[in-house]
Amino acid sequence: MAMEEKMSTRERSLAAALEVVREVGLGDLSTRAIARKTGLTQTAIYRHFTGVEELIREALAGIRDLFAERLVARDGRGDSREELLAALDVFRDFAIDEPRLYDALFLRTGEGIPTPAASDGARGQNIFAWVVERVTACSRDGVIRSSGPVGSALSLIAHAQGLILMYRQGRFGSGERFSEAYSRSMRDLLRGLA
C-alpha cells in the first residue's frame, strides 16, 4: 500500500507539473505551484524527487512522451515521403496546440535547465532519431538524395523550428495561414533535397 501511495503522489505531482507548464510555462514550474494544484505539501512532493531539477527532468520526459505519441499516431499512413512530412507536421501541430509544452521541449534556453529524463527505450521517444529514420527511408526510396540522414534531418528540423519561430512572431497572421505556408515550405525543401 505504501508503494502505491508513493507512486500515486509522484504521478499526481508529475501530472500537475505538466499542467503548470501547459498553463504558465516551464519557467514557473515549482514545487509550490504543484502543491497548489494537487493540495499536497511541498515536503510531500520533495519526498518523491531528489530536487526541482529531477522534477523538471521528469516533466520534460512526460512532454516528450506526449509529442512522441503524436508521432506514433501519424506513422504508417503512406509512403516514406508522406511519413516524413507527417512527422514534420507534428512539430507544427504541437507548436500550435500546445505552445508552452512545445517551448519547454524544444526552445529551452539558459543555463541550468535539465534535459528530459532518459528514454525507457519505448519506440518514438527519441524524437531526432524518429526523424532520422524517416529521412533514411526517403533516401532508400530515392525521395531525397543525401550525404547523410543526420544532416538532412537537422536541416528539416531547423527549417521547422525557424518557421515556428516566425509564426510565434506573428509573421503568418492566422494559424491556418501558418499551417498552409509550413506545409508548402516543407514540400519545397524536400524537393530541394531530391
Protein backbone atom coordinates (compact mmCIF):
# COMPACT_ATOMS: atom_id res chain seq x y z
CA MET A 1 0.00 0.00 0.00
CA ALA A 2 2.82 2.43 0.84
CA MET A 3 4.37 1.85 -2.60
CA GLU A 4 1.06 2.61 -4.36
CA GLU A 5 0.69 5.74 -2.25
CA LYS A 6 4.19 6.91 -3.21
CA MET A 7 3.54 6.24 -6.88
CA SER A 8 0.23 8.00 -6.64
CA THR A 9 1.81 11.10 -5.13
CA ARG A 10 4.62 11.03 -7.69
CA GLU A 11 2.18 10.60 -10.57
CA ARG A 12 -0.07 13.35 -9.22
CA SER A 13 2.93 15.64 -8.92
CA LEU A 14 4.04 14.94 -12.49
CA ALA A 15 0.52 15.42 -13.87
CA ALA A 16 0.30 18.73 -12.03
CA ALA A 17 3.76 19.71 -13.32
CA LEU A 18 2.55 19.12 -16.87
CA GLU A 19 -0.48 21.32 -16.24
CA VAL A 20 1.65 24.09 -14.72
CA VAL A 21 3.92 24.07 -17.78
CA ARG A 22 0.88 23.99 -20.06
CA GLU A 23 -0.67 26.99 -18.32
CA VAL A 24 2.27 29.25 -17.48
CA GLY A 25 5.43 27.74 -18.95
CA LEU A 26 8.48 25.87 -17.74
CA GLY A 27 9.97 28.92 -16.04
CA ASP A 28 7.16 28.93 -13.47
CA LEU A 29 7.31 25.24 -12.64
CA SER A 30 7.96 24.88 -8.92
CA THR A 31 7.01 22.64 -6.05
CA ARG A 32 4.89 25.49 -4.75
CA ALA A 33 2.88 25.62 -8.00
CA ILE A 34 2.47 21.83 -7.95
CA ALA A 35 1.40 21.91 -4.31
CA ARG A 36 -1.30 24.48 -5.17
CA LYS A 37 -2.59 22.25 -7.99
CA THR A 38 -2.55 18.97 -6.07
CA GLY A 39 -3.23 20.00 -2.49
CA LEU A 40 -0.02 18.22 -1.49
CA THR A 41 2.59 19.87 0.66
CA GLN A 42 5.93 20.81 -0.85
CA THR A 43 7.54 18.41 1.62
CA ALA A 44 5.39 15.54 0.29
CA ILE A 45 6.45 16.38 -3.25
CA TYR A 46 10.14 16.51 -2.30
CA ARG A 47 9.87 13.03 -0.81
CA HIS A 48 9.37 11.72 -4.35
CA PHE A 49 12.01 13.75 -6.16
CA THR A 50 15.63 14.49 -5.31
CA GLY A 51 15.00 18.13 -6.12
CA VAL A 52 13.40 20.54 -8.55
CA GLU A 53 15.85 19.51 -11.27
CA GLU A 54 14.62 15.91 -11.19
CA LEU A 55 11.03 17.12 -11.18
CA ILE A 56 11.70 19.30 -14.24
CA ARG A 57 13.57 16.47 -15.98
CA GLU A 58 10.65 14.09 -15.39
CA ALA A 59 8.11 16.70 -16.51
CA LEU A 60 10.09 17.22 -19.72
CA ALA A 61 10.15 13.46 -20.26
CA GLY A 62 6.36 13.47 -19.97
CA ILE A 63 6.11 16.26 -22.54
CA ARG A 64 8.47 14.38 -24.85
CA ASP A 65 6.25 11.31 -24.48
CA LEU A 66 3.16 13.34 -25.44
CA PHE A 67 4.99 14.55 -28.54
CA ALA A 68 6.13 11.01 -29.35
CA GLU A 69 2.55 9.74 -29.05
CA ARG A 70 1.60 12.15 -31.81
CA LEU A 71 4.46 10.85 -33.96
CA VAL A 72 3.35 7.26 -33.45
CA ALA A 73 -0.26 8.16 -34.24
CA ARG A 74 0.77 9.65 -37.60
CA ASP A 75 3.12 6.81 -38.57
CA GLY A 76 2.42 4.21 -41.23
CA ARG A 77 -0.04 6.22 -43.26
CA GLY A 78 1.73 6.46 -46.56
CA ASP A 79 4.94 6.16 -48.47
CA SER A 80 8.26 7.30 -46.99
CA ARG A 81 7.83 10.88 -48.23
CA GLU A 82 4.37 11.23 -46.72
CA GLU A 83 5.54 9.68 -43.44
CA LEU A 84 8.41 12.17 -43.23
CA LEU A 85 6.08 15.07 -43.96
CA ALA A 86 3.60 13.75 -41.38
CA ALA A 87 6.36 13.59 -38.76
CA LEU A 88 7.38 17.17 -39.56
CA ASP A 89 3.74 18.25 -39.36
CA VAL A 90 3.69 17.00 -35.78
CA PHE A 91 6.20 19.74 -34.91
CA ARG A 92 3.87 22.37 -36.40
CA ASP A 93 0.73 20.96 -34.83
CA PHE A 94 2.28 20.57 -31.39
CA ALA A 95 3.56 24.16 -31.55
CA ILE A 96 0.05 25.39 -32.37
CA ASP A 97 -1.89 23.11 -30.00
CA GLU A 98 0.50 23.11 -27.04
CA PRO A 99 2.66 26.23 -27.35
CA ARG A 100 4.09 26.19 -23.82
CA LEU A 101 4.77 22.46 -23.94
CA TYR A 102 6.48 22.94 -27.30
CA ASP A 103 8.59 25.74 -25.89
CA ALA A 104 9.56 23.65 -22.87
CA LEU A 105 10.59 20.72 -25.03
CA PHE A 106 12.28 22.44 -27.97
CA LEU A 107 13.01 26.06 -27.16
CA ARG A 108 14.52 25.86 -23.67
CA THR A 109 17.30 28.33 -23.24
CA GLY A 110 19.56 29.26 -20.42
CA GLU A 111 21.91 27.52 -18.09
CA GLY A 112 20.78 25.00 -15.55
CA ILE A 113 17.77 23.74 -17.47
CA PRO A 114 17.97 19.96 -17.40
CA THR A 115 17.39 17.69 -20.35
CA PRO A 116 14.47 15.24 -20.25
CA ALA A 117 14.94 12.01 -18.33
CA ALA A 118 16.42 9.20 -20.39
CA SER A 119 14.04 7.24 -22.57
CA ASP A 120 12.82 3.92 -21.31
CA GLY A 121 13.52 2.52 -24.76
CA ALA A 122 9.93 2.74 -25.99
CA ARG A 123 9.64 3.47 -29.68
CA GLY A 124 9.30 7.10 -30.60
CA GLN A 125 10.79 8.67 -27.54
CA ASN A 126 13.95 9.83 -29.27
CA ILE A 127 12.40 12.49 -31.46
CA PHE A 128 15.50 13.25 -33.52
CA ALA A 129 16.08 9.54 -34.19
CA TRP A 130 12.47 9.29 -35.34
CA VAL A 131 13.05 11.97 -37.99
CA VAL A 132 16.40 10.40 -38.99
CA GLU A 133 14.58 7.08 -39.56
CA ARG A 134 12.08 8.79 -41.84
CA VAL A 135 14.87 10.57 -43.75
CA THR A 136 16.73 7.26 -44.10
CA ALA A 137 13.61 5.66 -45.59
CA CYS A 138 13.26 8.58 -48.01
CA SER A 139 16.90 8.20 -49.04
CA ARG A 140 16.45 4.46 -49.56
CA ASP A 141 13.35 5.14 -51.70
CA GLY A 142 15.11 7.82 -53.76
CA VAL A 143 12.85 10.60 -52.46
CA ILE A 144 15.85 12.57 -51.26
CA ARG A 145 19.49 12.28 -52.04
CA SER A 146 21.54 12.94 -49.04
CA SER A 147 25.13 12.71 -48.00
CA GLY A 148 23.77 11.59 -44.65
CA PRO A 149 20.38 11.26 -42.98
CA VAL A 150 21.54 13.08 -39.85
CA GLY A 151 22.44 16.24 -41.81
CA SER A 152 19.19 16.16 -43.74
CA ALA A 153 17.19 15.60 -40.55
CA LEU A 154 18.97 18.57 -38.93
CA SER A 155 18.12 20.74 -41.94
CA LEU A 156 14.47 19.72 -41.86
CA ILE A 157 14.08 20.21 -38.11
CA ALA A 158 15.92 23.55 -38.21
CA HIS A 159 13.60 24.65 -41.01
CA ALA A 160 10.58 23.60 -38.96
CA GLN A 161 11.90 25.46 -35.91
CA GLY A 162 12.55 28.58 -37.94
CA LEU A 163 9.05 28.59 -39.39
CA ILE A 164 7.54 28.02 -35.96
CA LEU A 165 9.52 30.94 -34.52
CA MET A 166 8.33 33.15 -37.37
CA TYR A 167 4.75 32.09 -36.60
CA ARG A 168 5.27 32.96 -32.94
CA GLN A 169 6.44 36.41 -34.02
CA GLY A 170 3.17 36.93 -35.88
CA ARG A 171 4.66 36.72 -39.37
CA PHE A 172 1.89 34.50 -40.77
CA GLY A 173 -1.18 36.00 -39.17
CA SER A 174 -3.52 33.14 -38.50
CA GLY A 175 -2.72 29.57 -37.56
CA GLU A 176 -4.40 28.46 -40.76
CA ARG A 177 -2.14 30.63 -42.93
CA PHE A 178 0.86 29.39 -41.00
CA SER A 179 -0.18 25.74 -41.48
CA GLU A 180 -0.52 26.22 -45.21
CA ALA A 181 2.79 28.07 -45.52
CA TYR A 182 4.54 25.48 -43.36
CA SER A 183 3.28 22.56 -45.45
CA ARG A 184 4.21 24.31 -48.71
CA SER A 185 7.66 25.22 -47.42
CA MET A 186 8.39 21.69 -46.17
CA ARG A 187 7.38 20.20 -49.51
CA ASP A 188 9.60 22.75 -51.31
CA LEU A 189 12.52 21.87 -49.05
CA LEU A 190 12.04 18.17 -49.72
CA ARG A 191 12.00 18.84 -53.46
CA GLY A 192 15.29 20.70 -52.99
CA LEU A 193 16.77 17.66 -51.27
CA ALA A 194 15.71 15.40 -54.15
